[in-house]
Protein backbone atom coordinates (compact mmCIF):
# COMPACT_ATOMS: atom_id res chain seq x y z
CA MET A 1 122.87 106.89 146.75
CA GLY A 2 126.16 108.75 146.43
CA GLY A 3 127.69 107.23 149.55
CA LEU A 4 126.98 103.71 148.32
CA LEU A 5 128.35 104.52 144.86
CA ALA A 6 131.54 105.98 146.34
CA TYR A 7 131.97 102.79 148.38
CA ARG A 8 131.30 100.52 145.39
CA THR A 9 133.82 102.46 143.33
CA ALA A 10 136.44 102.16 146.07
CA VAL A 11 135.85 98.41 146.33
CA ALA A 12 135.93 97.95 142.55
CA GLY A 13 139.37 99.53 142.42
CA ASP A 14 138.75 101.72 139.40
CA GLY A 15 141.99 103.67 139.84
CA PHE A 16 140.86 106.17 142.47
CA GLY A 17 143.36 107.45 145.02
CA ALA A 18 140.82 107.90 147.82
CA ALA A 19 137.06 107.85 148.39
CA VAL A 20 134.67 109.49 150.85
CA GLY A 21 131.08 108.35 151.27
CA PHE A 22 128.27 110.08 153.14
CA TYR A 23 125.37 108.05 154.57
CA GLY A 24 125.80 105.11 152.23
CA SER A 25 122.62 103.12 152.56
CA GLY A 26 123.28 99.51 151.65
CA ILE A 27 127.00 99.40 152.44
CA SER A 28 126.35 96.97 155.29
CA ALA A 29 125.02 94.42 152.80
CA GLU A 30 128.06 94.68 150.51
CA PRO A 31 131.13 93.42 152.33
CA GLY A 32 134.26 94.40 150.55
CA ASP A 33 137.77 95.71 150.90
CA PRO A 34 138.26 99.11 149.32
CA ALA A 35 141.21 99.26 146.95
CA CYS A 36 141.92 102.83 148.03
CA PRO A 37 141.79 104.66 151.36
CA THR A 38 138.11 105.19 152.17
CA LEU A 39 136.37 107.36 154.75
CA LEU A 40 132.67 106.85 155.53
CA PHE A 41 130.28 109.16 157.39
CA PHE A 42 126.90 108.38 158.96
CA GLY A 43 124.35 110.11 161.14
CA GLY A 44 123.40 108.12 164.22
CA GLU A 45 119.78 109.26 163.82
CA ASP A 46 119.57 108.36 160.12
CA GLN A 47 115.97 107.44 159.33
CA TYR A 48 117.02 105.32 156.33
CA ILE A 49 119.99 103.43 157.76
CA SER A 50 119.54 101.46 160.96
CA PRO A 51 121.97 101.70 163.86
CA ALA A 52 122.64 97.97 163.37
CA ASP A 53 123.65 98.54 159.74
CA ILE A 54 125.91 101.44 160.74
CA GLU A 55 127.50 99.22 163.38
CA VAL A 56 128.20 96.50 160.77
CA VAL A 57 129.96 99.07 158.57
CA GLY A 58 131.92 100.48 161.51
CA LEU A 59 133.12 97.05 162.57
CA ARG A 60 134.29 96.29 159.04
CA HIS A 61 135.71 99.77 158.44
CA PRO A 62 136.97 101.25 161.73
CA GLU A 63 137.71 104.64 160.13
CA THR A 64 133.95 105.20 159.84
CA VAL A 65 132.69 108.35 161.56
CA VAL A 66 129.23 108.48 163.14
CA TYR A 67 127.64 111.71 164.35
CA PRO A 68 125.25 110.40 167.04
CA GLU A 69 122.62 113.15 166.78
CA ALA A 70 122.75 113.77 163.02
CA GLY A 71 120.25 112.34 160.56
CA HIS A 72 120.36 111.35 156.91
CA GLY A 73 121.46 114.27 154.75
CA PHE A 74 123.27 116.15 157.51
CA MET A 75 125.60 117.69 154.90
CA ARG A 76 122.81 119.19 152.76
CA ASP A 77 123.08 122.88 153.62
CA GLY A 78 119.69 124.55 153.54
CA SER A 79 117.70 121.36 154.06
CA MET A 80 115.69 120.40 157.13
CA SER A 81 118.19 117.62 157.87
CA TYR A 82 121.28 119.87 157.83
CA ASP A 83 123.35 119.58 161.02
CA ASP A 84 125.85 122.43 161.19
CA GLY A 85 128.22 120.83 163.72
CA ALA A 86 128.33 117.46 161.99
CA ALA A 87 128.62 119.05 158.55
CA ARG A 88 131.50 121.33 159.52
CA ASP A 89 133.38 118.49 161.19
CA ALA A 90 132.77 116.08 158.31
CA TRP A 91 133.88 118.67 155.75
CA SER A 92 137.06 119.37 157.73
CA ARG A 93 137.79 115.65 157.99
CA THR A 94 137.08 115.18 154.28
CA LEU A 95 139.49 117.92 153.23
CA ARG A 96 142.18 116.64 155.60
CA PHE A 97 141.67 113.07 154.38
CA PHE A 98 141.96 114.02 150.69
CA THR A 99 144.99 116.21 151.42
CA GLU A 100 146.72 113.38 153.23
CA GLN A 101 145.82 110.73 150.65
CA LEU A 102 146.09 112.60 147.38
CA LEU A 103 148.84 115.21 147.76
């Protein structure tokens, strides 16, 4: 739910300088133009978000990053869905993105 809420907030333009969303289920059904720089992450093996929905988001937002072998929740350290490689890369990209956009 957090990825979708981050996206909705970015589209609403509530004064944020940048937004990052992880596995935002439902984003494909909510076309919009974020009012701030926005970075979106998905797992290509997400059991809740179809590849077709991820493709729709990626076409609309080319900065979207998809980790082909990661599933939903790949950032949740300690969970069964945690994917170390995807999580480390996504975290690095997130920090770089916020540094570039907010500092």
